[in-house]
Amino acid sequence: MTMTNMHGTRPIRVMLVDNQTLILDGFARIIDAQPDMSVIVTATDGETAIRTARQAKPDVILMDVRMPGLDGIQTTRTIIHDLPETRIIGLTSYGTDNYAIGMLDAGANGFLLKNTNAERFLDAIRATVSGNTVMDTTTMNRLNRRLATGSVQTSAPVMVSADDGETSDERNDDLPDFTNREHDVLARVVQGDSNDQIAESLGISVSTVKTHIGNILRKTGQINRVRLIVWAARHSTQIGIPYAA
C-alpha cells in the first residue's frame, strides 16, 4: 500500500546520480523496497543527470558529489536553476566540509555520507520532500563550529531583502524586520527543529509554519533552510537568536 506524502498517495519519485553502478544498484534496491518511494531514473555523470532530470522531473535526487567531468556541485546548481522544486541530497564517501558547503551553496537541501545506514537515507528522502533539511551529524557539528567562528565561506554573498524589495549586500541596517512569530520560527529552525516540531512547540499548524518559513526565506534572500541557518549564524547578535555550536 502506498503511503501518503506531500504528493498525496503518489510515491516519491527518486533519481540517483553516481558514477559507480554498484552504488546505484544498492540504493535502488533499498528505495524500491519501500511502499512510498521508487527510483524512476539514474545517471552516471553530471551532464546526463541534467538532461535526465529535465525530462523526468524527479521529486528528490541523490547526487554524488565527486564525479568525473561535471561534478555534483556544478550539476546541482544547474538542476536547481532549471527545476527549483526538486530536492537534492548530496552524497559523498568523504567527510570533507568543503563538499558539504559547496553542495549547500549550490542549492542542495541536505548532505549525507554514503556509509549512512539505510534507515537514515530513507528518512532523509522523506524529510526533504516534506521541506526539511538533512545533514550528516558529524559534518553538521564541524560546520557548526566553523559557523560560530565565521570561517565558513560560500561562493556567493549572503543577501538580504531591503525595504524597497531589492537585494543588497548584507549590512546591519538592511536586516529584515521579522514579526514576533517569524522570529520564534527562525529560532527553532536554527535549533534544527522540523516543521512538525516547530508547529507543536508554537501551537500552530504545519502549513502556518511553512508560510512563516517561506516569508523568512524571502525576507533574507536565502534559497533553502540550510542557507537560512548559515545566515542566522552570521547575524545571531543582530537578530537576537543565539547560535549554539
C-alpha atoms as a PDB file:
ATOM      1  CA  MET A   1       0.000   0.000   0.000  1.00  0.00           C
ATOM      2  CA  THR A   2       1.357   3.421  -0.931  1.00  0.00           C
ATOM      3  CA  MET A   3       1.942   5.763   1.977  1.00  0.00           C
ATOM      4  CA  THR A   4       0.628   9.314   1.975  1.00  0.00           C
ATOM      5  CA  ASN A   5       3.174  12.090   1.432  1.00  0.00           C
ATOM      6  CA  MET A   6       3.174  15.686   0.254  1.00  0.00           C
ATOM      7  CA  HIS A   7       2.216  14.418  -3.210  1.00  0.00           C
ATOM      8  CA  GLY A   8      -0.917  12.681  -1.914  1.00  0.00           C
ATOM      9  CA  THR A   9      -0.746   8.933  -2.470  1.00  0.00           C
ATOM     10  CA  ARG A  10       1.808   9.082  -5.285  1.00  0.00           C
ATOM     11  CA  PRO A  11       5.167   7.523  -4.370  1.00  0.00           C
ATOM     12  CA  ILE A  12       8.124   9.873  -4.033  1.00  0.00           C
ATOM     13  CA  ARG A  13       9.936   9.846  -7.377  1.00  0.00           C
ATOM     14  CA  VAL A  14      13.669   9.473  -6.773  1.00  0.00           C
ATOM     15  CA  MET A  15      16.574   9.960  -9.168  1.00  0.00           C
ATOM     16  CA  LEU A  16      20.023   8.529  -8.423  1.00  0.00           C
ATOM     17  CA  VAL A  17      23.254  10.064  -9.715  1.00  0.00           C
ATOM     18  CA  ASP A  18      26.557   8.259  -9.132  1.00  0.00           C
ATOM     19  CA  ASN A  19      29.391   7.176 -11.392  1.00  0.00           C
ATOM     20  CA  GLN A  20      29.594   3.790  -9.642  1.00  0.00           C
ATOM     21  CA  THR A  21      26.928   1.373 -10.846  1.00  0.00           C
ATOM     22  CA  LEU A  22      27.251  -0.835  -7.758  1.00  0.00           C
ATOM     23  CA  ILE A  23      26.234   2.104  -5.580  1.00  0.00           C
ATOM     24  CA  LEU A  24      23.344   2.935  -7.903  1.00  0.00           C
ATOM     25  CA  ASP A  25      22.116  -0.654  -7.734  1.00  0.00           C
ATOM     26  CA  GLY A  26      22.410  -0.756  -3.950  1.00  0.00           C
ATOM     27  CA  PHE A  27      20.474   2.464  -3.415  1.00  0.00           C
ATOM     28  CA  ALA A  28      17.846   1.419  -5.961  1.00  0.00           C
ATOM     29  CA  ARG A  29      17.177  -1.888  -4.185  1.00  0.00           C
ATOM     30  CA  ILE A  30      16.732  -0.154  -0.836  1.00  0.00           C
ATOM     31  CA  ILE A  31      14.465   2.583  -2.197  1.00  0.00           C
ATOM     32  CA  ASP A  32      12.344   0.355  -4.434  1.00  0.00           C
ATOM     33  CA  ALA A  33      11.605  -1.900  -1.456  1.00  0.00           C
ATOM     34  CA  GLN A  34       9.704   0.973   0.183  1.00  0.00           C
ATOM     35  CA  PRO A  35       5.958   1.434  -0.388  1.00  0.00           C
ATOM     36  CA  ASP A  36       6.135   5.235  -0.549  1.00  0.00           C
ATOM     37  CA  MET A  37       9.020   5.837  -2.965  1.00  0.00           C
ATOM     38  CA  SER A  38      10.610   4.471  -6.120  1.00  0.00           C
ATOM     39  CA  VAL A  39      13.638   5.099  -8.316  1.00  0.00           C
ATOM     40  CA  ILE A  40      12.455   6.419 -11.673  1.00  0.00           C
ATOM     41  CA  VAL A  41      15.780   7.220 -13.388  1.00  0.00           C
ATOM     42  CA  THR A  42      19.533   7.041 -12.822  1.00  0.00           C
ATOM     43  CA  ALA A  43      22.583   8.762 -14.276  1.00  0.00           C
ATOM     44  CA  THR A  44      26.314   8.134 -14.018  1.00  0.00           C
ATOM     45  CA  ASP A  45      27.643  11.601 -14.868  1.00  0.00           C
ATOM     46  CA  GLY A  46      26.675  15.228 -14.424  1.00  0.00           C
ATOM     47  CA  GLU A  47      25.746  16.118 -17.990  1.00  0.00           C
ATOM     48  CA  THR A  48      23.495  13.080 -18.328  1.00  0.00           C
ATOM     49  CA  ALA A  49      21.962  13.877 -14.943  1.00  0.00           C
ATOM     50  CA  ILE A  50      20.985  17.367 -16.080  1.00  0.00           C
ATOM     51  CA  ARG A  51      19.341  16.109 -19.277  1.00  0.00           C
ATOM     52  CA  THR A  52      17.583  13.266 -17.469  1.00  0.00           C
ATOM     53  CA  ALA A  53      16.335  15.470 -14.627  1.00  0.00           C
ATOM     54  CA  ARG A  54      14.842  17.960 -17.079  1.00  0.00           C
ATOM     55  CA  GLN A  55      12.878  15.156 -18.718  1.00  0.00           C
ATOM     56  CA  ALA A  56      11.874  13.117 -15.652  1.00  0.00           C
ATOM     57  CA  LYS A  57      11.363  15.975 -13.144  1.00  0.00           C
ATOM     58  CA  PRO A  58      12.018  13.838 -10.037  1.00  0.00           C
ATOM     59  CA  ASP A  59      10.913  14.852  -6.563  1.00  0.00           C
ATOM     60  CA  VAL A  60      14.279  14.031  -4.974  1.00  0.00           C
ATOM     61  CA  ILE A  61      17.764  13.482  -6.389  1.00  0.00           C
ATOM     62  CA  LEU A  62      20.523  11.682  -4.504  1.00  0.00           C
ATOM     63  CA  MET A  63      23.597  13.327  -6.012  1.00  0.00           C
ATOM     64  CA  ASP A  64      27.169  12.054  -5.837  1.00  0.00           C
ATOM     65  CA  VAL A  65      29.494  14.990  -5.193  1.00  0.00           C
ATOM     66  CA  ARG A  66      32.662  13.602  -6.778  1.00  0.00           C
ATOM     67  CA  MET A  67      32.168  12.617 -10.407  1.00  0.00           C
ATOM     68  CA  PRO A  68      34.460  12.882 -13.429  1.00  0.00           C
ATOM     69  CA  GLY A  69      33.670  15.779 -15.730  1.00  0.00           C
ATOM     70  CA  LEU A  70      30.838  17.880 -14.354  1.00  0.00           C
ATOM     71  CA  ASP A  71      30.877  17.294 -10.598  1.00  0.00           C
ATOM     72  CA  GLY A  72      27.900  17.085  -8.257  1.00  0.00           C
ATOM     73  CA  ILE A  73      28.167  20.710  -7.156  1.00  0.00           C
ATOM     74  CA  GLN A  74      28.013  22.111 -10.687  1.00  0.00           C
ATOM     75  CA  THR A  75      25.305  19.625 -11.633  1.00  0.00           C
ATOM     76  CA  THR A  76      23.220  20.557  -8.602  1.00  0.00           C
ATOM     77  CA  ARG A  77      23.486  24.271  -9.354  1.00  0.00           C
ATOM     78  CA  THR A  78      22.214  23.741 -12.904  1.00  0.00           C
ATOM     79  CA  ILE A  79      19.360  21.425 -11.918  1.00  0.00           C
ATOM     80  CA  ILE A  80      18.170  23.725  -9.121  1.00  0.00           C
ATOM     81  CA  HIS A  81      18.174  26.616 -11.588  1.00  0.00           C
ATOM     82  CA  ASP A  82      16.070  24.615 -14.051  1.00  0.00           C
ATOM     83  CA  LEU A  83      13.922  22.717 -11.530  1.00  0.00           C
ATOM     84  CA  PRO A  84      13.701  24.777  -8.320  1.00  0.00           C
ATOM     85  CA  GLU A  85      11.074  22.464  -6.796  1.00  0.00           C
ATOM     86  CA  THR A  86      13.365  19.428  -6.992  1.00  0.00           C
ATOM     87  CA  ARG A  87      15.049  18.436  -3.726  1.00  0.00           C
ATOM     88  CA  ILE A  88      18.684  17.356  -3.887  1.00  0.00           C
ATOM     89  CA  ILE A  89      20.688  15.498  -1.251  1.00  0.00           C
ATOM     90  CA  GLY A  90      24.454  15.490  -1.748  1.00  0.00           C
ATOM     91  CA  LEU A  91      26.294  12.206  -1.167  1.00  0.00           C
ATOM     92  CA  THR A  92      29.979  11.562  -0.667  1.00  0.00           C
ATOM     93  CA  SER A  93      32.339   8.979   0.775  1.00  0.00           C
ATOM     94  CA  TYR A  94      34.485  11.778   2.182  1.00  0.00           C
ATOM     95  CA  GLY A  95      33.530  13.768   5.278  1.00  0.00           C
ATOM     96  CA  THR A  96      35.028  16.976   3.885  1.00  0.00           C
ATOM     97  CA  ASP A  97      33.379  20.235   4.900  1.00  0.00           C
ATOM     98  CA  ASN A  98      34.105  21.925   1.578  1.00  0.00           C
ATOM     99  CA  TYR A  99      32.000  19.353  -0.274  1.00  0.00           C
ATOM    100  CA  ALA A 100      29.076  19.978   2.063  1.00  0.00           C
ATOM    101  CA  ILE A 101      29.454  23.747   1.818  1.00  0.00           C
ATOM    102  CA  GLY A 102      29.718  23.546  -1.965  1.00  0.00           C
ATOM    103  CA  MET A 103      26.572  21.445  -2.279  1.00  0.00           C
ATOM    104  CA  LEU A 104      24.557  23.630   0.080  1.00  0.00           C
ATOM    105  CA  ASP A 105      25.794  26.741  -1.673  1.00  0.00           C
ATOM    106  CA  ALA A 106      24.635  25.225  -4.973  1.00  0.00           C
ATOM    107  CA  GLY A 107      21.129  24.811  -3.572  1.00  0.00           C
ATOM    108  CA  ALA A 108      21.090  21.253  -2.209  1.00  0.00           C
ATOM    109  CA  ASN A 109      18.677  20.513   0.623  1.00  0.00           C
ATOM    110  CA  GLY A 110      20.987  18.205   2.507  1.00  0.00           C
ATOM    111  CA  PHE A 111      24.244  16.314   2.651  1.00  0.00           C
ATOM    112  CA  LEU A 112      24.933  12.736   3.776  1.00  0.00           C
ATOM    113  CA  LEU A 113      27.857  10.345   3.815  1.00  0.00           C
ATOM    114  CA  LYS A 114      27.454   7.215   1.703  1.00  0.00           C
ATOM    115  CA  ASN A 115      28.087   4.987   4.717  1.00  0.00           C
ATOM    116  CA  THR A 116      24.932   6.327   6.388  1.00  0.00           C
ATOM    117  CA  ASN A 117      22.616   3.459   7.296  1.00  0.00           C
ATOM    118  CA  ALA A 118      19.656   2.632   5.065  1.00  0.00           C
ATOM    119  CA  GLU A 119      17.012   3.807   7.522  1.00  0.00           C
ATOM    120  CA  ARG A 120      18.655   7.221   7.769  1.00  0.00           C
ATOM    121  CA  PHE A 121      18.771   7.531   3.975  1.00  0.00           C
ATOM    122  CA  LEU A 122      15.086   6.716   3.665  1.00  0.00           C
ATOM    123  CA  ASP A 123      14.143   9.123   6.454  1.00  0.00           C
ATOM    124  CA  ALA A 124      16.242  11.803   4.748  1.00  0.00           C
ATOM    125  CA  ILE A 125      14.356  11.391   1.480  1.00  0.00           C
ATOM    126  CA  ARG A 126      11.004  11.684   3.236  1.00  0.00           C
ATOM    127  CA  ALA A 127      12.131  14.656   5.322  1.00  0.00           C
ATOM    128  CA  THR A 128      13.494  16.506   2.305  1.00  0.00           C
ATOM    129  CA  VAL A 129      10.249  16.081   0.379  1.00  0.00           C
ATOM    130  CA  SER A 130       8.417  17.493   3.409  1.00  0.00           C
ATOM    131  CA  GLY A 131      10.530  20.645   3.197  1.00  0.00           C
ATOM    132  CA  ASN A 132      13.092  19.825   5.869  1.00  0.00           C
ATOM    133  CA  THR A 133      16.869  19.883   5.592  1.00  0.00           C
ATOM    134  CA  VAL A 134      19.003  16.815   6.281  1.00  0.00           C
ATOM    135  CA  MET A 135      22.650  16.702   7.226  1.00  0.00           C
ATOM    136  CA  ASP A 136      25.171  14.120   8.330  1.00  0.00           C
ATOM    137  CA  THR A 137      25.580  14.714  12.070  1.00  0.00           C
ATOM    138  CA  THR A 138      29.373  14.692  12.098  1.00  0.00           C
ATOM    139  CA  THR A 139      29.600  17.115   9.196  1.00  0.00           C
ATOM    140  CA  MET A 140      26.975  19.400  10.712  1.00  0.00           C
ATOM    141  CA  ASN A 141      28.832  19.537  14.021  1.00  0.00           C
ATOM    142  CA  ARG A 142      32.002  20.609  12.228  1.00  0.00           C
ATOM    143  CA  LEU A 143      30.094  23.197  10.210  1.00  0.00           C
ATOM    144  CA  ASN A 144      28.503  24.475  13.416  1.00  0.00           C
ATOM    145  CA  ARG A 145      31.937  25.168  14.854  1.00  0.00           C
ATOM    146  CA  ARG A 146      33.045  26.899  11.664  1.00  0.00           C
ATOM    147  CA  LEU A 147      29.854  28.955  11.524  1.00  0.00           C
ATOM    148  CA  ALA A 148      30.356  30.065  15.097  1.00  0.00           C
ATOM    149  CA  THR A 149      33.862  31.301  14.281  1.00  0.00           C
ATOM    150  CA  GLY A 150      32.862  32.864  10.964  1.00  0.00           C
ATOM    151  CA  SER A 151      35.165  30.601   8.957  1.00  0.00           C
ATOM    152  CA  VAL A 152      32.519  29.289   6.540  1.00  0.00           C
ATOM    153  CA  GLN A 153      32.737  30.941   3.137  1.00  0.00           C
ATOM    154  CA  THR A 154      30.322  30.438   0.252  1.00  0.00           C
ATOM    155  CA  SER A 155      30.820  31.286  -3.396  1.00  0.00           C
ATOM    156  CA  ALA A 156      28.013  33.832  -3.403  1.00  0.00           C
ATOM    157  CA  PRO A 157      27.463  36.566  -0.806  1.00  0.00           C
ATOM    158  CA  VAL A 158      24.575  36.138   1.593  1.00  0.00           C
ATOM    159  CA  MET A 159      21.909  38.595   0.534  1.00  0.00           C
ATOM    160  CA  VAL A 160      19.102  40.212   2.498  1.00  0.00           C
ATOM    161  CA  SER A 161      15.991  41.973   1.260  1.00  0.00           C
ATOM    162  CA  ALA A 162      15.938  45.724   1.672  1.00  0.00           C
ATOM    163  CA  ASP A 163      12.729  47.646   2.408  1.00  0.00           C
ATOM    164  CA  ASP A 164      12.280  48.589  -1.242  1.00  0.00           C
ATOM    165  CA  GLY A 165      12.185  44.924  -2.261  1.00  0.00           C
ATOM    166  CA  GLU A 166      15.604  44.959  -3.900  1.00  0.00           C
ATOM    167  CA  THR A 167      18.506  42.871  -2.677  1.00  0.00           C
ATOM    168  CA  SER A 168      21.696  44.362  -1.341  1.00  0.00           C
ATOM    169  CA  ASP A 169      24.885  43.206   0.338  1.00  0.00           C
ATOM    170  CA  GLU A 170      24.467  42.294   3.980  1.00  0.00           C
ATOM    171  CA  ARG A 171      24.612  45.338   6.245  1.00  0.00           C
ATOM    172  CA  ASN A 172      23.210  45.763   9.725  1.00  0.00           C
ATOM    173  CA  ASP A 173      20.762  48.449   8.606  1.00  0.00           C
ATOM    174  CA  ASP A 174      19.416  46.106   5.912  1.00  0.00           C
ATOM    175  CA  LEU A 175      18.449  43.303   8.278  1.00  0.00           C
ATOM    176  CA  PRO A 176      14.851  42.152   7.749  1.00  0.00           C
ATOM    177  CA  ASP A 177      12.091  43.278  10.069  1.00  0.00           C
ATOM    178  CA  PHE A 178      10.703  39.954  11.304  1.00  0.00           C
ATOM    179  CA  THR A 179       7.354  39.645  13.018  1.00  0.00           C
ATOM    180  CA  ASN A 180       7.409  38.138  16.511  1.00  0.00           C
ATOM    181  CA  ARG A 181       6.108  34.845  15.150  1.00  0.00           C
ATOM    182  CA  GLU A 182       8.686  34.765  12.349  1.00  0.00           C
ATOM    183  CA  HIS A 183      11.387  35.364  14.951  1.00  0.00           C
ATOM    184  CA  ASP A 184      10.087  32.434  17.014  1.00  0.00           C
ATOM    185  CA  VAL A 185      10.003  30.172  13.959  1.00  0.00           C
ATOM    186  CA  LEU A 186      13.501  31.205  12.864  1.00  0.00           C
ATOM    187  CA  ALA A 187      14.883  30.491  16.337  1.00  0.00           C
ATOM    188  CA  ARG A 188      13.552  26.948  16.134  1.00  0.00           C
ATOM    189  CA  VAL A 189      14.829  26.448  12.593  1.00  0.00           C
ATOM    190  CA  VAL A 190      18.291  27.375  13.872  1.00  0.00           C
ATOM    191  CA  GLN A 191      17.888  24.763  16.619  1.00  0.00           C
ATOM    192  CA  GLY A 192      17.319  22.168  13.901  1.00  0.00           C
ATOM    193  CA  ASP A 193      13.628  21.552  14.614  1.00  0.00           C
ATOM    194  CA  SER A 194      11.458  20.049  11.885  1.00  0.00           C
ATOM    195  CA  ASN A 195       8.263  21.729  10.696  1.00  0.00           C
ATOM    196  CA  ASP A 196       6.220  19.316  12.818  1.00  0.00           C
ATOM    197  CA  GLN A 197       8.294  20.091  15.911  1.00  0.00           C
ATOM    198  CA  ILE A 198       8.004  23.836  15.344  1.00  0.00           C
ATOM    199  CA  ALA A 199       4.245  23.556  14.890  1.00  0.00           C
ATOM    200  CA  GLU A 200       3.866  21.576  18.102  1.00  0.00           C
ATOM    201  CA  SER A 201       6.085  23.863  20.183  1.00  0.00           C
ATOM    202  CA  LEU A 202       4.367  27.049  18.979  1.00  0.00           C
ATOM    203  CA  GLY A 203       0.837  25.660  18.901  1.00  0.00           C
ATOM    204  CA  ILE A 204       0.292  26.398  15.211  1.00  0.00           C
ATOM    205  CA  SER A 205      -0.350  24.272  12.133  1.00  0.00           C
ATOM    206  CA  VAL A 206       2.390  22.844   9.932  1.00  0.00           C
ATOM    207  CA  SER A 207       1.026  24.815   6.975  1.00  0.00           C
ATOM    208  CA  THR A 208       1.365  28.018   9.010  1.00  0.00           C
ATOM    209  CA  VAL A 209       4.965  27.085   9.838  1.00  0.00           C
ATOM    210  CA  LYS A 210       5.680  26.613   6.132  1.00  0.00           C
ATOM    211  CA  THR A 211       4.160  30.011   5.386  1.00  0.00           C
ATOM    212  CA  HIS A 212       6.352  31.686   8.010  1.00  0.00           C
ATOM    213  CA  ILE A 213       9.477  29.925   6.738  1.00  0.00           C
ATOM    214  CA  GLY A 214       8.631  30.993   3.194  1.00  0.00           C
ATOM    215  CA  ASN A 215       8.315  34.596   4.362  1.00  0.00           C
ATOM    216  CA  ILE A 216      11.608  34.364   6.267  1.00  0.00           C
ATOM    217  CA  LEU A 217      13.410  32.931   3.235  1.00  0.00           C
ATOM    218  CA  ARG A 218      12.008  35.717   1.081  1.00  0.00           C
ATOM    219  CA  LYS A 219      12.991  38.435   3.550  1.00  0.00           C
ATOM    220  CA  THR A 220      16.531  37.115   3.975  1.00  0.00           C
ATOM    221  CA  GLY A 221      17.036  36.247   0.313  1.00  0.00           C
ATOM    222  CA  GLN A 222      18.058  32.674   1.122  1.00  0.00           C
ATOM    223  CA  ILE A 223      17.223  29.696  -1.096  1.00  0.00           C
ATOM    224  CA  ASN A 224      16.806  26.918   1.446  1.00  0.00           C
ATOM    225  CA  ARG A 225      16.749  26.041   5.119  1.00  0.00           C
ATOM    226  CA  VAL A 226      20.467  25.354   5.447  1.00  0.00           C
ATOM    227  CA  ARG A 227      21.441  28.654   3.846  1.00  0.00           C
ATOM    228  CA  LEU A 228      18.982  30.299   6.233  1.00  0.00           C
ATOM    229  CA  ILE A 229      20.773  28.714   9.202  1.00  0.00           C
ATOM    230  CA  VAL A 230      24.101  29.984   7.851  1.00  0.00           C
ATOM    231  CA  TRP A 231      22.598  33.463   7.507  1.00  0.00           C
ATOM    232  CA  ALA A 232      21.172  33.351  11.047  1.00  0.00           C
ATOM    233  CA  ALA A 233      24.521  32.234  12.462  1.00  0.00           C
ATOM    234  CA  ARG A 234      26.269  35.190  10.841  1.00  0.00           C
ATOM    235  CA  HIS A 235      23.672  37.614  12.207  1.00  0.00           C
ATOM    236  CA  SER A 236      22.957  35.928  15.547  1.00  0.00           C
ATOM    237  CA  THR A 237      23.818  39.007  17.611  1.00  0.00           C
ATOM    238  CA  GLN A 238      21.843  41.444  15.469  1.00  0.00           C
ATOM    239  CA  ILE A 239      18.689  39.321  15.274  1.00  0.00           C
ATOM    240  CA  GLY A 240      18.853  38.160  18.886  1.00  0.00           C
ATOM    241  CA  ILE A 241      18.972  34.436  18.162  1.00  0.00           C
ATOM    242  CA  PRO A 242      21.933  32.692  19.806  1.00  0.00           C
ATOM    243  CA  TYR A 243      23.684  30.092  17.698  1.00  0.00           C
ATOM    244  CA  ALA A 244      24.927  27.128  19.707  1.00  0.00           C
ATOM    245  CA  ALA A 245      27.964  25.467  18.156  1.00  0.00           C
END
